[in-house]
Protein backbone atom coordinates (compact mmCIF):
# COMPACT_ATOMS: atom_id res chain seq x y z
CA MET A 1 -53.99 -88.72 -134.78
CA ALA A 2 -55.82 -90.38 -137.64
CA GLU A 3 -56.18 -94.04 -136.77
CA ALA A 4 -57.27 -97.19 -138.58
CA GLN A 5 -58.18 -100.02 -136.23
CA GLN A 6 -59.83 -103.41 -136.37
CA ASN A 7 -60.43 -105.92 -133.59
CA ILE A 8 -61.70 -109.46 -134.00
CA PRO A 9 -62.88 -110.89 -130.66
CA ALA A 10 -62.83 -114.53 -129.75
CA GLY A 11 -65.23 -116.74 -131.66
CA SER A 12 -66.45 -114.02 -134.01
CA THR A 13 -64.17 -114.50 -137.00
CA THR A 14 -64.66 -116.29 -140.24
CA ALA A 15 -61.94 -117.66 -142.46
CA GLY A 16 -60.66 -115.02 -144.83
CA SER A 17 -58.35 -112.05 -145.21
CA ILE A 18 -58.44 -108.65 -143.55
CA ALA A 19 -56.29 -105.68 -144.52
CA VAL A 20 -56.23 -102.10 -143.23
CA ALA A 21 -54.53 -99.18 -144.99
CA ALA A 22 -53.28 -101.47 -147.72
CA GLU A 23 -54.23 -102.36 -151.25
CA SER A 24 -52.75 -105.84 -151.16
CA THR A 25 -52.94 -109.00 -149.10
CA VAL A 26 -50.27 -110.33 -146.77
CA ALA A 27 -46.87 -110.67 -148.39
CA THR A 28 -46.56 -114.31 -147.35
CA ARG A 29 -49.17 -115.20 -149.97
CA MET A 30 -47.69 -113.01 -152.71
CA SER A 31 -43.90 -113.25 -152.43
CA ALA A 32 -41.61 -115.85 -153.93
CA PRO A 33 -41.19 -118.95 -151.73
CA PRO A 34 -38.28 -118.76 -149.24
CA SER A 35 -35.01 -120.08 -150.65
CA PHE A 36 -31.27 -120.09 -150.06
CA ASP A 37 -30.66 -119.72 -153.81
CA VAL A 38 -30.28 -116.15 -155.06
CA ALA A 39 -31.43 -117.24 -158.52
CA ASP A 40 -34.87 -118.08 -157.13
CA PHE A 41 -35.49 -114.35 -156.60
CA PRO A 42 -35.67 -112.06 -159.65
CA VAL A 43 -33.80 -108.78 -159.45
CA PRO A 44 -36.40 -106.39 -158.01
CA HIS A 45 -37.59 -103.47 -160.12
CA GLY A 46 -39.51 -101.64 -157.41
CA ARG A 47 -43.05 -102.59 -158.41
CA GLU A 48 -43.13 -105.78 -156.34
CA GLU A 49 -45.17 -105.63 -153.15
CA GLU A 50 -42.16 -106.30 -150.93
CA TRP A 51 -40.01 -103.64 -152.64
CA ARG A 52 -42.45 -100.90 -153.65
CA PHE A 53 -41.52 -98.58 -150.77
CA THR A 54 -37.74 -99.16 -150.94
CA PRO A 55 -35.53 -96.79 -153.01
CA LEU A 56 -33.57 -99.51 -154.83
CA ALA A 57 -30.89 -97.14 -156.13
CA ARG A 58 -29.82 -96.48 -152.52
CA LEU A 59 -29.21 -100.18 -151.78
CA ARG A 60 -25.71 -99.80 -153.26
CA GLY A 61 -25.99 -103.01 -155.29
CA LEU A 62 -27.20 -105.34 -152.51
CA HIS A 63 -30.33 -106.20 -154.52
CA ASP A 64 -28.82 -106.91 -157.94
CA GLY A 65 -25.55 -108.71 -157.15
CA THR A 66 -23.21 -105.84 -157.96
CA ALA A 67 -22.18 -105.31 -154.33
CA VAL A 68 -18.99 -107.24 -153.61
CA ALA A 69 -17.59 -107.86 -150.14
CA THR A 70 -14.48 -105.87 -149.31
CA GLY A 71 -11.82 -106.59 -146.73
CA GLU A 72 -12.65 -103.74 -144.37
CA GLY A 73 -16.40 -104.53 -144.17
CA VAL A 74 -17.47 -104.77 -140.55
CA ARG A 75 -15.80 -105.79 -137.30
CA VAL A 76 -17.79 -108.03 -134.94
CA GLU A 77 -16.94 -108.22 -131.24
CA ILE A 78 -18.89 -110.37 -128.75
CA GLU A 79 -18.84 -110.09 -124.96
CA ALA A 80 -20.56 -112.97 -123.18
CA PRO A 81 -20.89 -113.98 -119.50
CA GLU A 82 -20.25 -117.41 -118.06
CA GLY A 83 -22.58 -120.09 -119.39
CA VAL A 84 -22.29 -118.89 -123.00
CA THR A 85 -20.27 -120.43 -125.82
CA VAL A 86 -19.13 -118.14 -128.64
CA GLU A 87 -17.83 -119.69 -131.87
CA THR A 88 -16.80 -118.52 -135.32
CA VAL A 89 -17.75 -121.24 -137.80
CA GLY A 90 -17.66 -121.96 -141.50
CA ARG A 91 -20.55 -122.24 -143.91
CA ASP A 92 -20.85 -126.01 -143.43
CA ASP A 93 -21.83 -125.80 -139.74
CA ALA A 94 -25.10 -127.70 -139.18
CA ARG A 95 -26.50 -124.97 -136.91
CA LEU A 96 -26.70 -122.49 -139.77
CA GLY A 97 -29.56 -122.09 -142.18
CA LYS A 98 -32.49 -123.03 -139.96
CA ALA A 99 -34.58 -120.22 -141.49
CA LYS A 100 -34.64 -119.56 -145.22
CA PRO A 101 -34.21 -116.11 -146.80
CA VAL A 102 -37.43 -114.54 -148.06
CA ASP A 103 -36.03 -112.00 -150.52
CA ARG A 104 -33.08 -111.56 -152.85
CA VAL A 105 -30.94 -109.48 -150.48
CA ALA A 106 -31.29 -112.02 -147.66
CA ALA A 107 -30.43 -114.83 -150.10
CA GLN A 108 -27.43 -112.85 -151.33
CA ALA A 109 -26.29 -112.38 -147.74
CA TYR A 110 -26.60 -116.11 -147.02
CA SER A 111 -24.71 -117.14 -150.15
CA SER A 112 -21.94 -114.57 -149.66
CA PHE A 113 -20.82 -114.75 -146.01
CA GLU A 114 -17.58 -116.62 -145.25
CA LYS A 115 -17.72 -117.00 -141.46
CA ALA A 116 -20.66 -116.93 -139.06
CA SER A 117 -20.92 -116.23 -135.33
CA VAL A 118 -22.75 -118.84 -133.24
CA VAL A 119 -23.66 -117.90 -129.67
CA THR A 120 -25.02 -120.76 -127.55
CA VAL A 121 -26.61 -120.45 -124.12
CA ALA A 122 -26.52 -123.74 -122.23
CA LYS A 123 -29.65 -125.57 -121.16
CA GLU A 124 -31.22 -124.07 -118.00
CA ALA A 125 -28.59 -121.32 -117.80
CA VAL A 126 -30.00 -118.01 -116.51
CA LEU A 127 -27.64 -115.17 -117.42
CA ALA A 128 -27.14 -112.36 -114.93
CA GLU A 129 -25.51 -110.12 -117.55
CA PRO A 130 -26.44 -109.47 -121.19
CA ILE A 131 -24.60 -110.83 -124.21
CA ARG A 132 -23.29 -107.83 -126.15
CA ILE A 133 -22.60 -108.13 -129.88
CA ALA A 134 -20.98 -105.04 -131.42
CA VAL A 135 -21.05 -104.76 -135.21
CA HIS A 136 -18.93 -101.80 -136.30
CA GLY A 137 -18.74 -100.73 -139.92
CA GLU A 138 -15.33 -99.81 -141.29
CA GLY A 139 -16.38 -98.36 -144.60
CA GLY A 140 -16.75 -101.42 -146.82
CA VAL A 141 -19.32 -103.94 -148.04
CA ALA A 142 -20.06 -106.98 -145.88
CA PHE A 143 -22.37 -110.00 -145.67
CA GLY A 144 -23.04 -111.44 -142.25
CA HIS A 145 -24.68 -114.35 -140.50
CA GLN A 146 -25.25 -114.82 -136.77
CA VAL A 147 -27.03 -117.47 -134.72
CA ILE A 148 -28.13 -117.08 -131.10
CA GLU A 149 -29.39 -120.38 -129.70
CA LEU A 150 -30.86 -121.00 -126.25
CA GLY A 151 -31.16 -124.44 -124.72
CA ALA A 152 -34.33 -125.55 -122.95
CA PHE A 153 -35.37 -123.27 -120.05
CA ALA A 154 -32.39 -120.94 -120.57
CA GLU A 155 -32.84 -117.18 -120.10
CA ALA A 156 -30.77 -114.47 -121.78
CA VAL A 157 -30.67 -110.87 -122.96
CA VAL A 158 -28.77 -109.98 -126.14
CA VAL A 159 -27.77 -106.46 -127.28
CA LEU A 160 -26.94 -106.30 -130.98
CA ASP A 161 -25.36 -102.90 -131.59
CA HIS A 162 -24.63 -101.51 -135.08
CA THR A 163 -22.36 -98.47 -135.47
CA GLY A 164 -19.95 -96.97 -137.98
CA ASP A 165 -20.21 -96.87 -141.77
CA ALA A 166 -20.84 -99.93 -143.96
CA VAL A 167 -23.00 -101.50 -146.63
CA LEU A 168 -24.23 -104.59 -144.80
CA ALA A 169 -26.62 -107.40 -145.66
CA ALA A 170 -27.13 -109.96 -142.92
CA ASN A 171 -29.26 -112.77 -141.52
CA VAL A 172 -29.68 -113.27 -137.78
CA ASP A 173 -31.33 -116.41 -136.36
CA TYR A 174 -32.72 -116.70 -132.85
CA VAL A 175 -33.44 -120.31 -131.89
CA LEU A 176 -35.33 -120.86 -128.62
CA GLY A 177 -35.57 -124.25 -126.97
CA ASP A 178 -38.63 -125.32 -125.00
CA GLY A 179 -39.37 -122.99 -122.10
CA ALA A 180 -36.52 -120.61 -123.01
CA LYS A 181 -36.77 -116.83 -122.60
CA LEU A 182 -34.85 -114.48 -124.88
CA THR A 183 -34.87 -110.69 -125.09
CA VAL A 184 -33.02 -109.11 -128.03
CA VAL A 185 -32.30 -105.39 -128.36
CA SER A 186 -31.12 -104.55 -131.88
CA VAL A 187 -29.80 -100.99 -132.19
CA GLN A 188 -29.15 -99.39 -135.59
CA ASP A 189 -27.04 -96.33 -134.75
CA TRP A 190 -25.13 -96.10 -138.03
CA ASP A 191 -23.28 -93.15 -139.51
CA GLU A 192 -25.26 -91.11 -142.00
CA LYS A 193 -24.08 -92.89 -145.18
CA ALA A 194 -24.50 -96.50 -144.03
CA VAL A 195 -26.84 -99.04 -145.69
CA HIS A 196 -28.15 -101.95 -143.63
CA VAL A 197 -30.56 -104.67 -144.81
CA ALA A 198 -31.22 -107.58 -142.44
CA GLN A 199 -33.61 -110.49 -141.94
CA HIS A 200 -34.11 -111.51 -138.30
CA ASN A 201 -35.61 -114.97 -137.79
CA ALA A 202 -37.02 -116.16 -134.46
CA LEU A 203 -37.89 -119.85 -134.05
CA VAL A 204 -39.88 -120.11 -130.83
CA GLY A 205 -40.12 -123.48 -129.04
CA ARG A 206 -42.83 -124.94 -126.83
CA ASP A 207 -43.85 -122.49 -124.07
CA ALA A 208 -40.85 -120.30 -124.96
CA SER A 209 -40.93 -116.48 -124.80
CA PHE A 210 -39.25 -114.17 -127.31
CA LYS A 211 -39.05 -110.39 -126.99
CA SER A 212 -37.49 -108.21 -129.66
CA VAL A 213 -36.82 -104.47 -129.35
CA VAL A 214 -35.62 -102.90 -132.61
CA VAL A 215 -34.26 -99.34 -132.35
CA THR A 216 -33.30 -97.43 -135.50
CA PHE A 217 -31.70 -93.99 -135.64
CA GLY A 218 -28.84 -93.73 -138.10
CA GLY A 219 -28.00 -94.72 -141.65
CA ASP A 220 -28.89 -93.52 -145.09
CA LEU A 221 -31.10 -96.59 -145.65
CA VAL A 222 -32.03 -99.21 -143.05
CA ARG A 223 -34.44 -102.06 -143.82
CA ILE A 224 -35.04 -104.62 -141.04
CA HIS A 225 -37.24 -107.68 -141.55
CA PRO A 226 -38.12 -109.39 -138.24
CA ARG A 227 -39.92 -112.74 -138.60
CA VAL A 228 -41.38 -115.10 -136.02
CA GLU A 229 -42.35 -118.76 -136.39
CA TYR A 230 -43.49 -121.16 -133.68
CA THR A 231 -42.08 -124.68 -133.59
CA ALA A 232 -44.52 -125.98 -130.93
CA PRO A 233 -47.61 -124.82 -129.01
CA GLY A 234 -47.52 -122.32 -126.16
CA GLY A 235 -44.98 -119.89 -127.62
CA ALA A 236 -45.20 -116.15 -126.98
CA ALA A 237 -43.63 -113.33 -129.00
CA GLU A 238 -43.43 -109.61 -128.30
CA LEU A 239 -42.04 -107.36 -131.04
CA PHE A 240 -41.39 -103.76 -130.05
CA GLY A 241 -39.66 -101.04 -132.01
CA LEU A 242 -38.89 -97.36 -132.10
CA TYR A 243 -37.33 -95.25 -134.83
CA PHE A 244 -36.39 -91.62 -135.32
CA THR A 245 -36.20 -90.76 -139.00
CA ASP A 246 -34.31 -87.60 -139.92
CA ALA A 247 -34.04 -85.56 -143.12
CA GLY A 248 -33.25 -87.73 -146.15
CA GLN A 249 -33.23 -91.01 -144.25
CA HIS A 250 -35.17 -94.10 -145.32
CA GLN A 251 -36.01 -96.45 -142.44
CA GLU A 252 -38.13 -99.51 -143.15
CA HIS A 253 -39.35 -102.20 -140.78
CA ARG A 254 -41.20 -105.15 -142.30
CA LEU A 255 -42.53 -107.67 -139.79
CA LEU A 256 -44.10 -111.09 -140.17
CA VAL A 257 -45.56 -113.15 -137.34
CA ASP A 258 -46.48 -116.56 -138.76
CA HIS A 259 -48.94 -118.27 -136.43
CA ASN A 260 -48.51 -121.79 -137.74
CA THR A 261 -49.05 -123.64 -134.43
CA PRO A 262 -51.99 -123.75 -131.99
CA HIS A 263 -52.25 -121.72 -128.77
CA CYS A 264 -49.51 -119.18 -129.36
CA THR A 265 -49.57 -115.42 -128.76
CA SER A 266 -48.00 -112.32 -130.28
CA ASN A 267 -47.99 -108.61 -129.50
CA VAL A 268 -46.47 -106.01 -131.82
CA ALA A 269 -45.98 -102.30 -131.04
CA TYR A 270 -43.77 -99.93 -133.06
CA LYS A 271 -43.52 -96.15 -132.69
CA GLY A 272 -41.69 -93.66 -134.87
CA ALA A 273 -40.95 -89.93 -134.99
CA LEU A 274 -39.98 -88.13 -138.19
CA GLN A 275 -38.50 -84.72 -138.96
CA GLY A 276 -36.88 -82.98 -141.90
CA GLN A 277 -37.30 -82.89 -145.65
CA ASP A 278 -37.67 -86.31 -147.32
CA ALA A 279 -37.54 -88.24 -144.06
CA HIS A 280 -39.31 -91.51 -144.97
CA ALA A 281 -40.42 -94.25 -142.59
CA VAL A 282 -42.09 -97.48 -143.68
CA TRP A 283 -43.74 -99.97 -141.34
CA ILE A 284 -45.29 -103.17 -142.67
CA GLY A 285 -46.88 -105.44 -140.08
CA ASP A 286 -47.97 -108.83 -141.42
CA VAL A 287 -49.68 -111.35 -139.16
CA LEU A 288 -50.72 -114.67 -140.64
CA ILE A 289 -52.94 -117.07 -138.67
CA GLN A 290 -52.85 -120.39 -140.46
CA ALA A 291 -55.68 -122.91 -140.39
CA ALA A 292 -53.82 -125.08 -137.87
CA ALA A 293 -53.22 -122.20 -135.43
CA GLU A 294 -56.35 -122.50 -133.30
CA GLY A 295 -56.39 -120.52 -130.06
CA THR A 296 -54.14 -117.75 -131.41
CA ASP A 297 -54.19 -114.38 -129.63
CA THR A 298 -52.50 -111.51 -131.48
CA TYR A 299 -52.45 -107.73 -131.74
CA GLU A 300 -50.28 -105.24 -133.65
CA LEU A 301 -49.94 -101.46 -133.38
CA ASN A 302 -47.98 -98.76 -135.20
CA ARG A 303 -47.98 -95.07 -134.23
CA ASN A 304 -46.06 -92.26 -135.93
CA LEU A 305 -45.41 -88.69 -134.83
CA VAL A 306 -44.61 -86.25 -137.67
CA LEU A 307 -42.64 -83.33 -136.25
CA THR A 308 -42.07 -81.21 -139.39
CA ASP A 309 -43.26 -80.70 -142.93
CA GLY A 310 -41.61 -82.73 -145.67
CA ALA A 311 -41.66 -86.08 -143.84
CA ARG A 312 -43.58 -89.14 -145.08
CA VAL A 313 -44.88 -92.28 -143.38
CA ASP A 314 -46.22 -95.47 -144.98
CA SER A 315 -47.89 -97.68 -142.36
CA VAL A 316 -49.50 -100.93 -143.51
CA PRO A 317 -50.88 -103.42 -140.98
CA ASN A 318 -52.05 -106.70 -142.51
CA LEU A 319 -53.94 -109.50 -140.81
CA GLU A 320 -54.73 -112.74 -142.62
CA ILE A 321 -56.85 -115.33 -140.84
CA GLU A 322 -57.47 -118.87 -142.06
CA THR A 323 -59.41 -120.20 -139.05
CA GLY A 324 -62.31 -118.90 -137.00
CA GLU A 325 -61.16 -120.67 -133.84
CA ILE A 326 -58.97 -117.94 -132.35
CA ALA A 327 -58.81 -116.21 -128.97
CA GLY A 328 -58.54 -112.76 -130.50
CA ALA A 329 -56.87 -110.65 -133.18
CA GLY A 330 -56.61 -106.98 -133.99
CA HIS A 331 -54.46 -104.21 -135.40
CA ALA A 332 -54.23 -100.42 -135.46
CA SER A 333 -52.23 -97.73 -137.24
CA ALA A 334 -52.09 -94.02 -136.38
CA THR A 335 -50.08 -91.11 -137.83
CA GLY A 336 -50.40 -87.53 -136.66
CA ARG A 337 -48.78 -84.14 -136.29
CA PHE A 338 -47.16 -82.81 -133.16
CA ASP A 339 -49.92 -82.08 -130.64
CA ASP A 340 -50.11 -78.28 -130.22
CA GLU A 341 -52.45 -78.68 -127.24
CA GLN A 342 -49.84 -80.65 -125.33
CA LEU A 343 -47.25 -77.98 -126.12
CA PHE A 344 -49.59 -75.22 -125.00
CA TYR A 345 -50.36 -77.05 -121.74
CA LEU A 346 -46.67 -77.35 -120.88
CA MET A 347 -45.71 -73.85 -122.01
CA ALA A 348 -48.59 -72.36 -120.01
CA ARG A 349 -46.87 -73.77 -116.93
CA GLY A 350 -43.63 -71.98 -117.67
CA ILE A 351 -41.79 -74.67 -119.63
CA PRO A 352 -39.88 -73.28 -122.65
CA GLU A 353 -41.02 -74.54 -126.07
CA THR A 354 -37.83 -76.49 -126.79
CA GLU A 355 -38.05 -78.34 -123.48
CA ALA A 356 -41.79 -78.90 -123.96
CA ARG A 357 -41.19 -80.55 -127.34
CA ARG A 358 -38.54 -82.76 -125.77
CA LEU A 359 -40.90 -83.84 -123.00
CA VAL A 360 -43.71 -84.71 -125.43
CA VAL A 361 -41.45 -86.85 -127.64
CA ARG A 362 -39.88 -88.56 -124.62
CA GLY A 363 -43.37 -89.38 -123.37
CA PHE A 364 -44.30 -90.74 -126.79
CA PHE A 365 -41.39 -93.20 -126.70
CA ALA A 366 -41.29 -93.89 -122.95
CA GLU A 367 -43.43 -97.05 -122.96
CA LEU A 368 -41.23 -98.76 -125.55
CA VAL A 369 -37.91 -97.58 -124.09
CA GLN A 370 -38.91 -99.21 -120.79
CA GLN A 371 -39.23 -102.55 -122.59
CA ILE A 372 -35.46 -102.64 -123.03
CA GLY A 373 -34.76 -103.25 -119.36
CA LEU A 374 -31.08 -102.19 -119.55
CA PRO A 375 -30.46 -98.77 -117.98
CA ASP A 376 -27.30 -98.00 -119.95
CA VAL A 377 -29.01 -98.71 -123.28
CA GLU A 378 -32.16 -96.82 -122.26
CA GLU A 379 -30.17 -93.74 -121.24
CA ARG A 380 -28.19 -93.83 -124.47
CA LEU A 381 -31.35 -93.97 -126.59
CA ILE A 382 -33.07 -91.14 -124.71
CA ALA A 383 -29.91 -89.05 -125.17
CA LYS A 384 -29.99 -89.87 -128.88
CA VAL A 385 -33.62 -88.73 -129.18
CA GLU A 386 -32.82 -85.47 -127.42
CA ALA A 387 -29.79 -84.89 -129.65
CA GLU A 388 -31.98 -85.38 -132.73
CA LEU A 389 -34.51 -82.88 -131.38
CA GLU A 390 -31.78 -80.40 -130.47
CA ALA A 391 -30.36 -80.57 -133.98
CA SER A 392 -33.73 -79.57 -135.45
CA VAL A 393 -34.11 -76.40 -133.37
């Protein structure tokens, strides 16, 4: 694999900006300021930094205001164990809007939803079972808003599962109290014509731990924007992701970790496999270390495996540093073809080519799949990968 990598060890940095495989600086310094008002964001034309990889015509009107919510939209079902409160609230609920939209689609989603789901985990509650949120598209246009809030020292796992067919724009907020631990698994397993654009906002409290695993398979166009901010020192964030991009699909993951508080950590690792004509994956990894964020330790990684001709990957890690007093920072990006030597090694030991390809791809994803920690979800995703590979034979 061809790889671009840069590491900045403790004590060796100077204030400034570092970018690898990109011709621009971090989007946080170039985009419009966050806002709840759609009018604060011009209609994108595709030349803006935050939209230059996205095929706007396939957004089905989410970006220009022509998409109108329809009655069928999506159906949301939530299963929660004891110790969890699930509410459907109106737009005036004070728990909504703790993180502002950063682009026009997110602002449109916030201004257009009618009801929001608020899931609250009580202080010091440690859940033995995951919270499962099923979002099923029923063929229409929908705007959604969800809040998952953990009290101090609470621990929970959330599975956010997207299926069916819809045109959906949504905002999801994860609010972690001091010492809380939250793992979120967001699965995008849409039907082939679905469009899904979402901003995920994590607000991480003092000594709290947030882990996100984003898994994307289906849909015509999927664009997920995970964002992390720290509300007090000692927070830790892990952002993992895997995606399998098939012929004609556009899958885009745009991350921002905003180190705005001292002595916090972050680790980002996304892996993708692509096959088929016009399969297009985009990964943007932005890490900002503000001047006040002394003692930061961060690293981000993106790896892509191109299985066939006709597929395209755009991988852009960005690291912007405004203080030299950090524990460490680095990033790497690698994209490569299927490894013929690995195939030869397996086939020389009597393994058929189809099975050998399956084993190599499973091994490529194995480290990230294990981060999920839920056997039923892990088995489902491995089965999905194998079904994708089988369809290409």
